[in-house]
Amino acid sequence: KFTLDWKIQGVHSWFYLAKEKGYFADEGLDVTIDQGEGSAATVTRIMSGAYDAGFGDMNAIIQNAATNPDEAPVMVYQIYNQPPFAVLTKADAEIESLAGLEGLKVGGPAGSASTKLFPALAEAAGFDAAKVEIINVAPNLQEQMLIQGQVDASHVFNVTSYLNILGQGMDPDKDFKWFPYGEAGLDIYSHGVMVSPKLI
């Protein structure tokens, strides 16, 4: 049993292609793929024994390995070598750098890696995270709240957010500014295939 990190998107296509082409079967694997609810859920699903493997964020593994090293999944295949986390603002916002977030409201889901890693991003980019007001936002409302002006910026997963913006009838490249965590100096691995200690 294999769990994704989120709802089914284009970035998950290779798993379905592998199943369709028989690559799993060729290796003696009968794989069931289920959609996810975030990388934290991917890790807990594997740790509980409900799933054997999954796709998710390395940082969620590290967080759990700190307290449960023997039960935490093991990343066996790194897929993203740059984190897909970004701070998103509207193009007309007077925010030219991440330091411009000081004194503003930034929305983000409490459990998301982009929100949890924000203090590390601030340290890498040289601004004070304590001067930024973090607003807890449901994942499905991130772009809407930004568009409506309820927050000045949002912590996002760039692949998901890009498509959500297209769904709102807007241009992700012209109507918004993206501040990727990796480009700001937070050089971390991110998503890949993780498996349970039992499966490994």
Protein backbone atom coordinates (compact mmCIF):
# COMPACT_ATOMS: atom_id res chain seq x y z
CA LYS A 1 0.00 0.00 0.00
CA PHE A 2 1.43 3.32 -1.17
CA THR A 3 0.19 6.75 -0.05
CA LEU A 4 0.73 10.00 -1.89
CA ASP A 5 1.42 13.27 -0.09
CA TRP A 6 -1.68 15.10 -1.34
CA LYS A 7 -4.59 15.00 -3.75
CA ILE A 8 -3.70 13.46 -7.11
CA GLN A 9 -1.75 15.90 -9.31
CA GLY A 10 0.59 15.79 -12.29
CA VAL A 11 3.62 15.39 -10.03
CA HIS A 12 2.24 11.98 -9.03
CA SER A 13 1.90 10.71 -12.60
CA TRP A 14 5.05 8.57 -12.57
CA PHE A 15 3.62 6.26 -9.90
CA TYR A 16 0.49 5.62 -11.97
CA LEU A 17 2.59 5.23 -15.12
CA ALA A 18 4.78 2.64 -13.37
CA LYS A 19 1.68 0.69 -12.38
CA GLU A 20 0.11 0.96 -15.84
CA LYS A 21 3.32 -0.10 -17.60
CA GLY A 22 3.75 -3.08 -15.28
CA TYR A 23 7.02 -1.91 -13.72
CA PHE A 24 5.81 -2.72 -10.22
CA ALA A 25 4.54 -6.13 -11.30
CA ASP A 26 7.90 -6.85 -12.98
CA GLU A 27 9.50 -6.41 -9.53
CA GLY A 28 6.98 -8.71 -7.85
CA LEU A 29 5.02 -5.82 -6.30
CA ASP A 30 1.23 -5.50 -6.19
CA VAL A 31 0.83 -1.77 -5.49
CA THR A 32 -2.29 0.11 -4.42
CA ILE A 33 -1.92 3.92 -4.62
CA ASP A 34 -4.05 6.21 -2.42
CA GLN A 35 -4.21 10.00 -2.35
CA GLY A 36 -2.73 11.77 0.66
CA GLU A 37 -3.50 14.47 3.21
CA GLY A 38 -0.05 16.04 3.54
CA SER A 39 3.46 14.71 4.16
CA ALA A 40 2.90 14.53 7.92
CA ALA A 41 0.02 12.13 7.23
CA THR A 42 2.21 10.13 4.84
CA VAL A 43 4.72 9.56 7.64
CA THR A 44 2.13 8.68 10.29
CA ARG A 45 0.33 6.32 7.89
CA ILE A 46 3.57 4.43 7.34
CA MET A 47 4.54 4.49 11.03
CA SER A 48 1.12 3.07 11.98
CA GLY A 49 1.59 0.13 9.62
CA ALA A 50 -1.43 1.10 7.50
CA TYR A 51 0.89 1.79 4.54
CA ASP A 52 4.16 0.24 3.44
CA ALA A 53 5.50 3.18 1.49
CA GLY A 54 4.65 6.65 0.28
CA PHE A 55 5.63 9.90 -1.35
CA GLY A 56 6.33 12.85 0.91
CA ASP A 57 8.67 15.38 2.42
CA MET A 58 12.03 14.48 3.96
CA ASN A 59 11.47 17.11 6.66
CA ALA A 60 8.38 15.27 7.95
CA ILE A 61 10.53 12.15 8.37
CA ILE A 62 13.20 14.10 10.26
CA GLN A 63 10.61 15.57 12.60
CA ASN A 64 9.31 12.10 13.51
CA ALA A 65 12.74 10.46 13.59
CA ALA A 66 13.73 12.89 16.35
CA THR A 67 11.28 11.18 18.72
CA ASN A 68 10.72 7.75 17.11
CA PRO A 69 13.94 6.85 15.26
CA ASP A 70 13.17 3.12 15.07
CA GLU A 71 9.70 3.60 13.61
CA ALA A 72 10.29 6.51 11.23
CA PRO A 73 10.17 5.78 7.49
CA VAL A 74 13.39 5.76 5.48
CA MET A 75 13.75 7.93 2.36
CA VAL A 76 14.99 5.58 -0.36
CA TYR A 77 14.57 7.66 -3.51
CA GLN A 78 14.94 11.43 -3.52
CA ILE A 79 12.81 13.04 -6.23
CA TYR A 80 12.86 16.79 -5.47
CA ASN A 81 16.33 18.26 -5.00
CA GLN A 82 14.81 21.70 -4.36
CA PRO A 83 12.00 22.24 -1.87
CA PRO A 84 8.63 23.07 -3.50
CA PHE A 85 7.90 25.58 -0.71
CA ALA A 86 7.47 29.26 -1.52
CA VAL A 87 6.08 32.49 -0.15
CA LEU A 88 3.43 33.79 -2.53
CA THR A 89 2.35 37.43 -2.83
CA LYS A 90 0.26 39.35 -5.33
CA ALA A 91 2.25 41.04 -8.07
CA ASP A 92 1.04 44.48 -7.06
CA ALA A 93 2.12 44.02 -3.42
CA GLU A 94 4.92 46.30 -2.26
CA ILE A 95 7.02 43.29 -1.24
CA GLU A 96 10.30 43.14 -3.14
CA SER A 97 12.09 40.65 -0.90
CA LEU A 98 11.32 38.29 1.97
CA ALA A 99 12.44 40.96 4.43
CA GLY A 100 9.41 42.93 3.24
CA LEU A 101 7.19 40.45 5.11
CA GLU A 102 8.10 41.98 8.47
CA GLY A 103 5.03 43.65 9.95
CA LEU A 104 2.65 41.83 7.57
CA LYS A 105 0.18 38.94 7.81
CA VAL A 106 1.22 35.67 6.19
CA GLY A 107 -1.20 32.77 5.88
CA GLY A 108 -0.26 29.12 6.04
CA PRO A 109 -1.61 25.77 7.22
CA ALA A 110 -0.27 25.10 10.72
CA GLY A 111 1.02 21.62 9.92
CA SER A 112 2.51 22.32 6.51
CA ALA A 113 6.24 22.08 5.94
CA SER A 114 6.29 25.54 4.38
CA THR A 115 4.88 27.01 7.62
CA LYS A 116 7.04 24.92 9.96
CA LEU A 117 10.19 25.79 8.02
CA PHE A 118 9.41 29.52 7.88
CA PRO A 119 11.69 30.40 10.85
CA ALA A 120 14.56 28.56 9.13
CA LEU A 121 13.78 30.44 5.91
CA ALA A 122 13.86 33.74 7.82
CA GLU A 123 17.26 32.89 9.29
CA ALA A 124 18.64 31.93 5.86
CA ALA A 125 17.19 35.05 4.19
CA GLY A 126 18.18 37.42 6.98
CA PHE A 127 14.90 38.71 8.34
CA ASP A 128 13.07 38.40 11.68
CA ALA A 129 10.31 35.77 11.61
CA ALA A 130 9.02 37.05 14.97
CA LYS A 131 8.00 40.30 13.21
CA VAL A 132 5.71 38.39 10.82
CA GLU A 133 2.15 37.59 11.93
CA ILE A 134 1.34 34.00 10.93
CA ILE A 135 -2.35 33.33 10.28
CA ASN A 136 -3.54 29.71 10.36
CA VAL A 137 -5.23 29.07 7.00
CA ALA A 138 -6.93 25.94 5.66
CA PRO A 139 -4.93 24.51 2.71
CA ASN A 140 -7.85 24.88 0.29
CA LEU A 141 -8.25 28.60 1.14
CA GLN A 142 -4.66 29.80 0.84
CA GLU A 143 -4.87 31.42 -2.59
CA GLN A 144 -8.40 32.74 -2.07
CA MET A 145 -7.47 34.55 1.16
CA LEU A 146 -4.45 36.10 -0.56
CA ILE A 147 -6.49 37.19 -3.58
CA GLN A 148 -9.17 38.68 -1.29
CA GLY A 149 -6.55 40.60 0.71
CA GLN A 150 -7.18 38.79 4.00
CA VAL A 151 -3.45 38.03 4.16
CA ASP A 152 -0.49 39.81 2.56
CA ALA A 153 1.30 36.62 1.58
CA SER A 154 0.96 32.87 1.91
CA HIS A 155 3.25 29.89 2.61
CA VAL A 156 2.55 27.54 -0.29
CA PHE A 157 3.55 24.35 -2.04
CA ASN A 158 4.36 25.80 -5.45
CA VAL A 159 3.06 22.98 -7.67
CA THR A 160 -0.33 22.87 -5.96
CA SER A 161 -0.66 26.63 -5.65
CA TYR A 162 0.20 27.23 -9.30
CA LEU A 163 -2.71 25.04 -10.41
CA ASN A 164 -5.05 26.52 -7.79
CA ILE A 165 -4.33 29.98 -9.21
CA LEU A 166 -5.10 28.78 -12.73
CA GLY A 167 -8.36 27.42 -11.32
CA GLN A 168 -9.16 30.93 -10.03
CA GLY A 169 -8.85 32.25 -13.59
CA MET A 170 -5.63 34.15 -12.88
CA ASP A 171 -2.09 34.00 -14.29
CA PRO A 172 0.37 32.54 -11.75
CA ASP A 173 3.32 34.19 -13.50
CA LYS A 174 1.91 37.67 -14.15
CA ASP A 175 -0.48 38.17 -11.24
CA PHE A 176 1.79 36.89 -8.45
CA LYS A 177 5.35 36.99 -7.09
CA TRP A 178 6.99 33.78 -5.92
CA PHE A 179 9.78 33.63 -3.33
CA PRO A 180 11.07 30.02 -3.41
CA TYR A 181 12.65 28.77 -0.19
CA GLY A 182 15.56 27.18 -2.06
CA GLU A 183 16.47 30.40 -3.88
CA ALA A 184 16.38 32.28 -0.57
CA GLY A 185 19.16 30.08 0.82
CA LEU A 186 17.26 27.26 2.51
CA ASP A 187 19.15 24.43 0.81
CA ILE A 188 17.22 21.32 1.86
CA TYR A 189 16.03 18.12 0.29
CA SER A 190 12.32 17.63 0.05
CA HIS A 191 10.00 15.01 -1.47
CA GLY A 192 10.83 11.45 -2.36
CA VAL A 193 9.77 7.85 -1.90
CA MET A 194 9.84 6.64 1.70
CA VAL A 195 9.31 3.13 3.01
CA SER A 196 8.69 1.55 6.40
CA PRO A 197 11.59 -0.04 8.29
CA LYS A 198 9.74 -3.35 7.86
CA LEU A 199 9.58 -3.04 4.08
CA ILE A 200 13.17 -1.89 3.75
